[in-house]
Amino acid sequence: MDYYKKKQFIAEVNEQDEVIGKVEKWDAHKKGILHRGYTAIITFEDQLVLQHRRHPVFDNVFDFSFSSHQLYVGDALQDSIVSILEGLQREWGIHAEDIVDDIKLAKKVYYKAFDDVSGYYEHEVDHIYTVELSKLPQPNYEFAYGFYTIHKNNAEKLIDPRIQSLLAPWVQKIIEEKK
């Protein structure tokens, strides 16, 4: 997983999601520095795609459908859509022509969570996007153990406390805010 070893800079933000600087990604996660991230919720037909996350932080949990960060390229923060398109390619093998409609910002959520296993934090203003695909994606197994789909009409089952413990903390927050 060479991707996780790369030195990358992400946006440090305040609670109003205003960029106040840039910070090295792993430094932000080790120190719990508030930063900006995104979650892309992939749908195919009437199915939500959950990624069984393979990652150094919050490993072995289910994500809506992958999460990452807008990166700095030099001194410029990457556009969110460009970052999502790169993530779709990297983690799912999806190209722009596989996307049915525009990638849409659905909402933003703030959360802070500590991963006891890795010793790292996620402390983010998480931009939640929706991505409708024309085909069911297949995960890149460097980034996922697998995936699961759930019909949109059954998504309320994710509220069940027995299932919530299997979800990434930001997914729990997204679900909590939908109640």
N, C-alpha and C. Protein backbone atom coordinates (compact mmCIF):
# COMPACT_ATOMS: atom_id res chain seq x y z
N MET A 1 0.83 -1.18 0.00
CA MET A 1 0.00 0.00 0.00
C MET A 1 0.88 1.25 0.00
N ASP A 2 1.60 1.44 -1.07
CA ASP A 2 2.49 2.59 -1.17
C ASP A 2 1.75 3.91 -1.07
N TYR A 3 0.48 3.94 -1.45
CA TYR A 3 -0.30 5.18 -1.38
C TYR A 3 -0.29 5.75 0.03
N TYR A 4 -0.41 4.89 1.03
CA TYR A 4 -0.47 5.34 2.41
C TYR A 4 0.88 5.82 2.94
N LYS A 5 1.94 5.49 2.26
CA LYS A 5 3.28 5.91 2.69
C LYS A 5 3.71 7.25 2.09
N LYS A 6 2.94 7.75 1.13
CA LYS A 6 3.29 9.01 0.49
C LYS A 6 3.09 10.18 1.45
N LYS A 7 3.98 11.14 1.37
CA LYS A 7 3.83 12.37 2.16
C LYS A 7 2.84 13.26 1.40
N GLN A 8 1.72 13.55 2.04
CA GLN A 8 0.67 14.34 1.42
C GLN A 8 0.21 15.41 2.40
N PHE A 9 -0.21 16.54 1.84
CA PHE A 9 -0.69 17.64 2.66
C PHE A 9 -2.18 17.83 2.41
N ILE A 10 -2.91 18.06 3.50
CA ILE A 10 -4.35 18.24 3.46
C ILE A 10 -4.71 19.58 4.10
N ALA A 11 -5.96 19.98 3.97
CA ALA A 11 -6.41 21.28 4.48
C ALA A 11 -6.74 21.19 5.96
N GLU A 12 -6.03 21.99 6.76
CA GLU A 12 -6.42 22.19 8.15
C GLU A 12 -7.53 23.23 8.12
N VAL A 13 -8.62 22.97 8.86
CA VAL A 13 -9.77 23.86 8.85
C VAL A 13 -10.21 24.16 10.28
N ASN A 14 -11.04 25.19 10.41
CA ASN A 14 -11.70 25.44 11.69
C ASN A 14 -13.08 24.79 11.64
N GLU A 15 -13.86 24.91 12.71
CA GLU A 15 -15.16 24.24 12.76
C GLU A 15 -16.17 24.81 11.77
N GLN A 16 -15.88 25.98 11.20
CA GLN A 16 -16.75 26.55 10.16
C GLN A 16 -16.30 26.08 8.77
N ASP A 17 -15.33 25.17 8.72
CA ASP A 17 -14.81 24.60 7.48
C ASP A 17 -14.03 25.62 6.65
N GLU A 18 -13.46 26.62 7.32
CA GLU A 18 -12.60 27.60 6.65
C GLU A 18 -11.17 27.08 6.71
N VAL A 19 -10.49 27.08 5.57
CA VAL A 19 -9.12 26.60 5.52
C VAL A 19 -8.23 27.58 6.27
N ILE A 20 -7.46 27.06 7.23
CA ILE A 20 -6.57 27.91 8.01
C ILE A 20 -5.11 27.53 7.80
N GLY A 21 -4.86 26.54 6.96
CA GLY A 21 -3.49 26.14 6.67
C GLY A 21 -3.44 24.78 6.02
N LYS A 22 -2.24 24.30 5.84
CA LYS A 22 -2.10 22.94 5.34
C LYS A 22 -1.26 22.16 6.34
N VAL A 23 -1.54 20.88 6.42
CA VAL A 23 -0.90 20.02 7.40
C VAL A 23 -0.60 18.68 6.75
N GLU A 24 0.51 18.08 7.14
CA GLU A 24 0.85 16.75 6.61
C GLU A 24 -0.21 15.77 7.12
N LYS A 25 -0.68 14.93 6.23
CA LYS A 25 -1.83 14.05 6.51
C LYS A 25 -1.65 13.20 7.77
N TRP A 26 -0.54 12.51 7.90
CA TRP A 26 -0.38 11.61 9.05
C TRP A 26 -0.14 12.39 10.34
N ASP A 27 0.46 13.57 10.24
CA ASP A 27 0.62 14.42 11.40
C ASP A 27 -0.75 14.85 11.92
N ALA A 28 -1.64 15.23 11.01
CA ALA A 28 -3.00 15.63 11.38
C ALA A 28 -3.73 14.49 12.09
N HIS A 29 -3.56 13.28 11.60
CA HIS A 29 -4.26 12.13 12.18
C HIS A 29 -3.64 11.72 13.53
N LYS A 30 -2.34 11.85 13.66
CA LYS A 30 -1.68 11.49 14.92
C LYS A 30 -2.04 12.48 16.04
N LYS A 31 -2.10 13.77 15.70
CA LYS A 31 -2.35 14.81 16.69
C LYS A 31 -3.82 15.19 16.83
N GLY A 32 -4.69 14.65 15.99
CA GLY A 32 -6.10 14.98 16.07
C GLY A 32 -6.43 16.37 15.58
N ILE A 33 -5.66 16.87 14.62
CA ILE A 33 -5.87 18.21 14.07
C ILE A 33 -7.11 18.21 13.16
N LEU A 34 -7.99 19.17 13.35
CA LEU A 34 -9.19 19.27 12.53
C LEU A 34 -8.80 19.57 11.08
N HIS A 35 -9.32 18.75 10.17
CA HIS A 35 -9.01 18.90 8.76
C HIS A 35 -10.24 18.57 7.92
N ARG A 36 -10.12 18.80 6.64
CA ARG A 36 -11.21 18.54 5.70
C ARG A 36 -11.01 17.19 5.04
N GLY A 37 -12.09 16.47 4.91
CA GLY A 37 -12.09 15.20 4.19
C GLY A 37 -13.36 15.08 3.39
N TYR A 38 -13.51 13.96 2.73
CA TYR A 38 -14.76 13.71 2.02
C TYR A 38 -15.12 12.23 2.09
N THR A 39 -16.40 11.98 1.95
CA THR A 39 -16.93 10.64 1.81
C THR A 39 -17.77 10.65 0.54
N ALA A 40 -17.54 9.67 -0.31
CA ALA A 40 -18.31 9.54 -1.55
C ALA A 40 -19.24 8.34 -1.40
N ILE A 41 -20.54 8.60 -1.40
CA ILE A 41 -21.54 7.55 -1.29
C ILE A 41 -21.91 7.11 -2.70
N ILE A 42 -21.48 5.90 -3.05
CA ILE A 42 -21.74 5.35 -4.39
C ILE A 42 -23.08 4.63 -4.38
N THR A 43 -23.87 4.92 -5.41
CA THR A 43 -25.10 4.18 -5.63
C THR A 43 -25.08 3.59 -7.03
N PHE A 44 -25.69 2.44 -7.14
CA PHE A 44 -25.89 1.78 -8.44
C PHE A 44 -27.32 1.28 -8.44
N GLU A 45 -28.08 1.76 -9.41
CA GLU A 45 -29.51 1.49 -9.45
C GLU A 45 -30.09 1.88 -8.10
N ASP A 46 -30.71 0.97 -7.37
CA ASP A 46 -31.28 1.32 -6.07
C ASP A 46 -30.45 0.80 -4.91
N GLN A 47 -29.18 0.55 -5.18
CA GLN A 47 -28.29 -0.02 -4.17
C GLN A 47 -27.27 0.99 -3.66
N LEU A 48 -27.05 1.01 -2.35
CA LEU A 48 -25.95 1.75 -1.75
C LEU A 48 -24.76 0.80 -1.67
N VAL A 49 -23.59 1.29 -1.99
CA VAL A 49 -22.39 0.46 -1.97
C VAL A 49 -21.58 0.79 -0.72
N LEU A 50 -21.34 -0.22 0.10
CA LEU A 50 -20.53 -0.08 1.30
C LEU A 50 -19.19 -0.75 1.04
N GLN A 51 -18.12 -0.04 1.34
CA GLN A 51 -16.77 -0.58 1.19
C GLN A 51 -16.34 -1.19 2.53
N HIS A 52 -15.86 -2.42 2.49
CA HIS A 52 -15.24 -3.03 3.68
C HIS A 52 -13.80 -2.53 3.69
N ARG A 53 -13.59 -1.50 4.45
CA ARG A 53 -12.38 -0.66 4.43
C ARG A 53 -11.12 -1.41 4.86
N ARG A 54 -10.08 -1.26 4.04
CA ARG A 54 -8.74 -1.77 4.34
C ARG A 54 -7.82 -0.56 4.41
N HIS A 55 -7.44 -0.17 5.62
CA HIS A 55 -6.76 1.12 5.80
C HIS A 55 -5.96 1.09 7.10
N PRO A 56 -4.87 1.86 7.18
CA PRO A 56 -4.11 1.91 8.43
C PRO A 56 -4.90 2.48 9.62
N VAL A 57 -5.92 3.31 9.36
CA VAL A 57 -6.73 3.91 10.41
C VAL A 57 -8.18 3.48 10.19
N PHE A 58 -8.84 3.03 11.24
CA PHE A 58 -10.19 2.50 11.15
C PHE A 58 -10.27 1.42 10.07
N ASP A 59 -9.42 0.45 10.24
CA ASP A 59 -9.38 -0.72 9.36
C ASP A 59 -10.55 -1.65 9.69
N ASN A 60 -11.01 -2.38 8.70
CA ASN A 60 -11.98 -3.45 8.88
C ASN A 60 -13.35 -2.97 9.33
N VAL A 61 -13.72 -1.75 8.91
CA VAL A 61 -15.07 -1.23 9.14
C VAL A 61 -15.71 -0.96 7.78
N PHE A 62 -17.00 -0.71 7.80
CA PHE A 62 -17.70 -0.42 6.55
C PHE A 62 -17.85 1.09 6.38
N ASP A 63 -17.55 1.54 5.16
CA ASP A 63 -17.60 2.95 4.79
C ASP A 63 -18.64 3.13 3.69
N PHE A 64 -19.16 4.34 3.60
CA PHE A 64 -20.12 4.73 2.55
C PHE A 64 -19.35 5.37 1.42
N SER A 65 -18.93 5.03 0.51
CA SER A 65 -18.38 3.88 -0.14
C SER A 65 -16.86 4.00 -0.17
N PHE A 66 -16.35 5.22 0.04
CA PHE A 66 -14.95 5.41 0.36
C PHE A 66 -14.76 6.84 0.84
N SER A 67 -13.69 7.03 1.58
CA SER A 67 -13.41 8.35 2.15
C SER A 67 -11.94 8.68 1.96
N SER A 68 -11.66 9.96 1.78
CA SER A 68 -10.29 10.40 1.58
C SER A 68 -10.20 11.89 1.87
N HIS A 69 -9.21 12.54 1.27
CA HIS A 69 -8.97 13.96 1.49
C HIS A 69 -8.64 14.65 0.19
N GLN A 70 -9.05 15.91 0.09
CA GLN A 70 -8.58 16.77 -0.97
C GLN A 70 -7.12 17.09 -0.61
N LEU A 71 -6.23 16.95 -1.56
CA LEU A 71 -4.80 17.13 -1.30
C LEU A 71 -4.32 18.47 -1.84
N TYR A 72 -3.24 18.93 -1.26
CA TYR A 72 -2.56 20.10 -1.83
C TYR A 72 -1.66 19.64 -2.96
N VAL A 73 -1.73 20.36 -4.06
CA VAL A 73 -0.81 20.19 -5.18
C VAL A 73 -0.03 21.50 -5.20
N GLY A 74 1.19 21.45 -4.69
CA GLY A 74 1.94 22.68 -4.47
C GLY A 74 1.24 23.47 -3.38
N ASP A 75 0.88 24.71 -3.68
CA ASP A 75 0.18 25.55 -2.71
C ASP A 75 -1.32 25.62 -2.94
N ALA A 76 -1.83 24.88 -3.92
CA ALA A 76 -3.26 24.92 -4.25
C ALA A 76 -3.96 23.66 -3.74
N LEU A 77 -5.08 23.86 -3.06
CA LEU A 77 -5.89 22.74 -2.61
C LEU A 77 -6.66 22.18 -3.79
N GLN A 78 -6.60 20.89 -3.94
CA GLN A 78 -7.26 20.17 -5.03
C GLN A 78 -8.77 20.40 -4.97
N ASP A 79 -9.38 20.53 -6.13
CA ASP A 79 -10.82 20.61 -6.25
C ASP A 79 -11.42 19.29 -5.75
N SER A 80 -12.53 19.37 -5.02
CA SER A 80 -13.15 18.17 -4.45
C SER A 80 -13.55 17.15 -5.51
N ILE A 81 -14.12 17.60 -6.60
CA ILE A 81 -14.56 16.66 -7.64
C ILE A 81 -13.36 15.95 -8.26
N VAL A 82 -12.29 16.67 -8.51
CA VAL A 82 -11.07 16.06 -9.05
C VAL A 82 -10.55 15.00 -8.07
N SER A 83 -10.55 15.34 -6.79
CA SER A 83 -10.09 14.40 -5.77
C SER A 83 -10.97 13.15 -5.74
N ILE A 84 -12.27 13.33 -5.82
CA ILE A 84 -13.20 12.19 -5.82
C ILE A 84 -12.98 11.33 -7.06
N LEU A 85 -12.82 11.94 -8.21
CA LEU A 85 -12.57 11.17 -9.43
C LEU A 85 -11.29 10.35 -9.31
N GLU A 86 -10.25 10.93 -8.72
CA GLU A 86 -9.01 10.18 -8.49
C GLU A 86 -9.25 9.03 -7.53
N GLY A 87 -10.02 9.28 -6.47
CA GLY A 87 -10.34 8.23 -5.50
C GLY A 87 -11.18 7.11 -6.11
N LEU A 88 -12.15 7.47 -6.93
CA LEU A 88 -12.97 6.45 -7.61
C LEU A 88 -12.10 5.55 -8.48
N GLN A 89 -11.14 6.15 -9.18
CA GLN A 89 -10.23 5.36 -10.02
C GLN A 89 -9.33 4.48 -9.14
N ARG A 90 -8.74 5.07 -8.12
CA ARG A 90 -7.79 4.36 -7.25
C ARG A 90 -8.46 3.21 -6.49
N GLU A 91 -9.60 3.47 -5.89
CA GLU A 91 -10.19 2.50 -4.97
C GLU A 91 -11.26 1.60 -5.60
N TRP A 92 -11.80 2.02 -6.76
CA TRP A 92 -12.88 1.25 -7.37
C TRP A 92 -12.70 0.98 -8.87
N GLY A 93 -11.67 1.55 -9.49
CA GLY A 93 -11.49 1.36 -10.93
C GLY A 93 -12.56 2.04 -11.76
N ILE A 94 -13.18 3.07 -11.20
CA ILE A 94 -14.28 3.79 -11.87
C ILE A 94 -13.73 5.00 -12.59
N HIS A 95 -14.21 5.21 -13.82
CA HIS A 95 -13.82 6.36 -14.64
C HIS A 95 -15.01 7.31 -14.76
N ALA A 96 -14.74 8.53 -15.16
CA ALA A 96 -15.78 9.56 -15.28
C ALA A 96 -16.95 9.09 -16.15
N GLU A 97 -16.67 8.32 -17.20
CA GLU A 97 -17.75 7.87 -18.10
C GLU A 97 -18.68 6.85 -17.43
N ASP A 98 -18.29 6.30 -16.27
CA ASP A 98 -19.14 5.36 -15.53
C ASP A 98 -20.11 6.07 -14.60
N ILE A 99 -20.00 7.39 -14.49
CA ILE A 99 -20.84 8.17 -13.60
C ILE A 99 -22.07 8.64 -14.35
N VAL A 100 -23.25 8.38 -13.79
CA VAL A 100 -24.52 8.67 -14.45
C VAL A 100 -24.84 10.16 -14.45
N ASP A 101 -24.65 10.83 -13.34
CA ASP A 101 -25.04 12.22 -13.18
C ASP A 101 -23.90 12.96 -12.50
N ASP A 102 -24.04 14.25 -12.34
CA ASP A 102 -23.00 15.03 -11.66
C ASP A 102 -22.79 14.52 -10.24
N ILE A 103 -21.55 14.54 -9.80
CA ILE A 103 -21.24 14.26 -8.40
C ILE A 103 -21.78 15.43 -7.60
N LYS A 104 -22.57 15.12 -6.55
CA LYS A 104 -23.27 16.17 -5.82
C LYS A 104 -22.86 16.20 -4.35
N LEU A 105 -22.64 17.41 -3.84
CA LEU A 105 -22.42 17.60 -2.41
C LEU A 105 -23.77 17.49 -1.71
N ALA A 106 -23.90 16.55 -0.79
CA ALA A 106 -25.17 16.33 -0.08
C ALA A 106 -25.22 17.09 1.23
N LYS A 107 -24.09 17.12 1.95
CA LYS A 107 -24.06 17.77 3.25
C LYS A 107 -22.64 17.75 3.77
N LYS A 108 -22.44 18.35 4.93
CA LYS A 108 -21.17 18.30 5.65
C LYS A 108 -21.45 17.82 7.07
N VAL A 109 -20.55 17.02 7.61
CA VAL A 109 -20.67 16.59 9.01
C VAL A 109 -19.34 16.82 9.72
N TYR A 110 -19.45 17.17 10.98
CA TYR A 110 -18.27 17.34 11.83
C TYR A 110 -18.23 16.17 12.80
N TYR A 111 -17.05 15.59 13.00
CA TYR A 111 -16.92 14.53 13.98
C TYR A 111 -15.46 14.40 14.41
N LYS A 112 -15.26 13.74 15.53
CA LYS A 112 -13.92 13.39 16.00
C LYS A 112 -14.01 11.99 16.58
N ALA A 113 -13.09 11.13 16.17
CA ALA A 113 -13.07 9.75 16.64
C ALA A 113 -11.63 9.28 16.78
N PHE A 114 -11.39 8.42 17.75
CA PHE A 114 -10.06 7.87 17.99
C PHE A 114 -10.09 6.38 17.69
N ASP A 115 -9.09 5.93 16.96
CA ASP A 115 -8.96 4.51 16.62
C ASP A 115 -7.98 3.88 17.62
N ASP A 116 -8.51 3.08 18.53
CA ASP A 116 -7.68 2.44 19.57
C ASP A 116 -6.60 1.54 19.00
N VAL A 117 -6.86 0.93 17.86
CA VAL A 117 -5.91 -0.02 17.28
C VAL A 117 -4.70 0.70 16.70
N SER A 118 -4.94 1.74 15.90
CA SER A 118 -3.83 2.44 15.23
C SER A 118 -3.24 3.56 16.08
N GLY A 119 -4.02 4.10 17.00
CA GLY A 119 -3.57 5.24 17.80
C GLY A 119 -3.70 6.56 17.06
N TYR A 120 -4.52 6.58 16.00
CA TYR A 120 -4.72 7.78 15.21
C TYR A 120 -6.15 8.28 15.38
N TYR A 121 -6.33 9.57 15.08
CA TYR A 121 -7.64 10.22 15.11
C TYR A 121 -8.15 10.46 13.70
N GLU A 122 -9.45 10.53 13.61
CA GLU A 122 -10.12 11.20 12.50
C GLU A 122 -10.84 12.37 13.14
N HIS A 123 -10.48 13.57 12.73
CA HIS A 123 -11.10 14.79 13.25
C HIS A 123 -11.35 15.65 12.02
N GLU A 124 -12.57 15.59 11.54
CA GLU A 124 -12.84 16.15 10.22
C GLU A 124 -14.12 16.97 10.15
N VAL A 125 -14.11 17.87 9.20
CA VAL A 125 -15.33 18.37 8.59
C VAL A 125 -15.39 17.56 7.30
N ASP A 126 -16.32 16.63 7.26
CA ASP A 126 -16.42 15.65 6.19
C ASP A 126 -17.47 16.10 5.18
N HIS A 127 -17.05 16.30 3.95
CA HIS A 127 -17.97 16.67 2.87
C HIS A 127 -18.53 15.38 2.30
N ILE A 128 -19.85 15.24 2.31
CA ILE A 128 -20.51 14.03 1.88
C ILE A 128 -21.05 14.24 0.46
N TYR A 129 -20.57 13.42 -0.46
CA TYR A 129 -20.97 13.50 -1.86
C TYR A 129 -21.72 12.24 -2.27
N THR A 130 -22.59 12.38 -3.27
CA THR A 130 -23.27 11.22 -3.85
C THR A 130 -22.79 11.03 -5.28
N VAL A 131 -22.60 9.75 -5.63
CA VAL A 131 -22.09 9.40 -6.94
C VAL A 131 -22.94 8.24 -7.47
N GLU A 132 -23.73 8.47 -8.52
CA GLU A 132 -24.55 7.42 -9.14
C GLU A 132 -23.76 6.82 -10.29
N LEU A 133 -23.63 5.49 -10.29
CA LEU A 133 -22.84 4.80 -11.32
C LEU A 133 -23.73 4.03 -12.28
N SER A 134 -23.21 3.81 -13.47
CA SER A 134 -23.92 3.05 -14.49
C SER A 134 -23.63 1.56 -14.40
N LYS A 135 -22.66 1.17 -13.57
CA LYS A 135 -22.34 -0.24 -13.39
C LYS A 135 -21.90 -0.47 -11.95
N LEU A 136 -22.07 -1.69 -11.50
CA LEU A 136 -21.65 -2.03 -10.14
C LEU A 136 -20.13 -2.06 -10.09
N PRO A 137 -19.52 -1.28 -9.19
CA PRO A 137 -18.07 -1.22 -9.15
C PRO A 137 -17.47 -2.47 -8.48
N GLN A 138 -16.21 -2.69 -8.73
CA GLN A 138 -15.45 -3.75 -8.07
C GLN A 138 -14.30 -3.09 -7.32
N PRO A 139 -14.11 -3.44 -6.06
CA PRO A 139 -13.09 -2.75 -5.27
C PRO A 139 -11.67 -3.13 -5.67
N ASN A 140 -10.77 -2.21 -5.43
CA ASN A 140 -9.34 -2.47 -5.51
C ASN A 140 -8.98 -3.07 -4.15
N TYR A 141 -8.50 -4.30 -4.14
CA TYR A 141 -8.28 -4.99 -2.88
C TYR A 141 -7.07 -4.49 -2.10
N GLU A 142 -6.36 -3.51 -2.62
CA GLU A 142 -5.35 -2.82 -1.81
C GLU A 142 -6.01 -1.87 -0.83
N PHE A 143 -7.26 -1.47 -1.11
CA PHE A 143 -7.97 -0.49 -0.31
C PHE A 143 -9.22 -1.05 0.36
N ALA A 144 -9.60 -2.26 0.02
CA ALA A 144 -10.83 -2.84 0.55
C ALA A 144 -10.68 -4.35 0.68
N TYR A 145 -11.35 -4.89 1.69
CA TYR A 145 -11.44 -6.35 1.83
C TYR A 145 -12.55 -6.89 0.95
N GLY A 146 -13.45 -6.02 0.58
CA GLY A 146 -14.60 -6.40 -0.23
C GLY A 146 -15.62 -5.28 -0.17
N PHE A 147 -16.84 -5.61 -0.53
CA PHE A 147 -17.91 -4.61 -0.47
C PHE A 147 -19.24 -5.30 -0.24
N TYR A 148 -20.22 -4.51 0.05
CA TYR A 148 -21.55 -4.99 0.36
C TYR A 148 -22.52 -3.98 -0.23
N THR A 149 -23.64 -4.45 -0.73
CA THR A 149 -24.67 -3.51 -1.20
C THR A 149 -25.91 -3.69 -0.34
N ILE A 150 -26.63 -2.59 -0.20
CA ILE A 150 -27.89 -2.62 0.53
C ILE A 150 -28.89 -1.76 -0.25
N HIS A 151 -30.08 -2.26 -0.39
CA HIS A 151 -31.11 -1.51 -1.11
C HIS A 151 -31.42 -0.23 -0.34
N LYS A 152 -31.61 0.86 -1.07
CA LYS A 152 -31.89 2.15 -0.44
C LYS A 152 -33.07 2.06 0.53
N ASN A 153 -34.08 1.26 0.21
CA ASN A 153 -35.26 1.12 1.07
C ASN A 153 -34.93 0.40 2.38
N ASN A 154 -33.79 -0.29 2.43
CA ASN A 154 -33.40 -1.02 3.64
C ASN A 154 -32.29 -0.30 4.42
N ALA A 155 -31.94 0.89 4.01
CA ALA A 155 -30.83 1.61 4.64
C ALA A 155 -31.09 1.88 6.11
N GLU A 156 -32.36 1.94 6.52
CA GLU A 156 -32.66 2.18 7.93
C GLU A 156 -32.14 1.05 8.82
N LYS A 157 -31.87 -0.11 8.25
CA LYS A 157 -31.31 -1.22 9.03
C LYS A 157 -29.92 -0.88 9.57
N LEU A 158 -29.25 0.06 8.94
CA LEU A 158 -27.92 0.46 9.40
C LEU A 158 -27.98 1.18 10.75
N ILE A 159 -29.17 1.60 11.16
CA ILE A 159 -29.36 2.27 12.44
C ILE A 159 -29.27 1.26 13.59
N ASP A 160 -29.51 0.00 13.33
CA ASP A 160 -29.47 -1.04 14.35
C ASP A 160 -28.13 -1.01 15.10
N PRO A 161 -28.15 -0.90 16.43
CA PRO A 161 -26.91 -0.81 17.21
C PRO A 161 -25.95 -1.98 16.97
N ARG A 162 -26.48 -3.15 16.66
CA ARG A 162 -25.61 -4.30 16.39
C ARG A 162 -24.81 -4.11 15.11
N ILE A 163 -25.34 -3.35 14.18
CA ILE A 163 -24.66 -3.09 12.91
C ILE A 163 -23.78 -1.85 13.03
N GLN A 164 -24.21 -0.86 13.81
CA GLN A 164 -23.47 0.40 13.91
C GLN A 164 -22.01 0.19 14.30
N SER A 165 -21.74 -0.79 15.16
CA SER A 165 -20.36 -1.02 15.60
C SER A 165 -19.46 -1.49 14.46
N LEU A 166 -20.04 -1.93 13.36
CA LEU A 166 -19.28 -2.37 12.18
C LEU A 166 -19.00 -1.22 11.21
N LEU A 167 -19.60 -0.06 11.47
CA LEU A 167 -19.50 1.08 10.56
C LEU A 167 -18.40 2.04 11.01
N ALA A 168 -17.79 2.70 10.03
CA ALA A 168 -16.82 3.75 10.33
C ALA A 168 -17.51 4.83 11.15
N PRO A 169 -16.78 5.52 12.04
CA PRO A 169 -17.42 6.53 12.89
C PRO A 169 -18.10 7.65 12.10
N TRP A 170 -17.55 8.03 10.95
CA TRP A 170 -18.19 9.09 10.15
C TRP A 170 -19.48 8.58 9.51
N VAL A 171 -19.56 7.30 9.21
CA VAL A 171 -20.80 6.73 8.68
C VAL A 171 -21.85 6.74 9.79
N GLN A 172 -21.44 6.39 11.01
CA GLN A 172 -22.35 6.46 12.15
C GLN A 172 -22.89 7.89 12.31
N LYS A 173 -22.01 8.88 12.15
CA LYS A 173 -22.41 10.29 12.28
C LYS A 173 -23.41 10.68 11.18
N ILE A 174 -23.14 10.25 9.96
CA ILE A 174 -24.04 10.54 8.83
C ILE A 174 -25.41 9.96 9.12
N ILE A 175 -25.45 8.71 9.60
CA ILE A 175 -26.72 8.05 9.90
C ILE A 175 -27.42 8.74 11.07
N GLU A 176 -26.66 9.09 12.09
CA GLU A 176 -27.22 9.77 13.27
C GLU A 176 -27.89 11.08 12.86
N GLU A 177 -27.28 11.81 11.96
CA GLU A 177 -27.84 13.10 11.54
C GLU A 177 -29.06 12.94 10.62
N LYS A 178 -29.28 11.74 10.09
CA LYS A 178 -30.45 11.51 9.24
C LYS A 178 -31.68 11.19 10.06
N LYS A 179 -31.48 10.81 11.33
CA LYS A 179 -32.61 10.43 12.19
C LYS A 179 -33.54 11.59 12.41
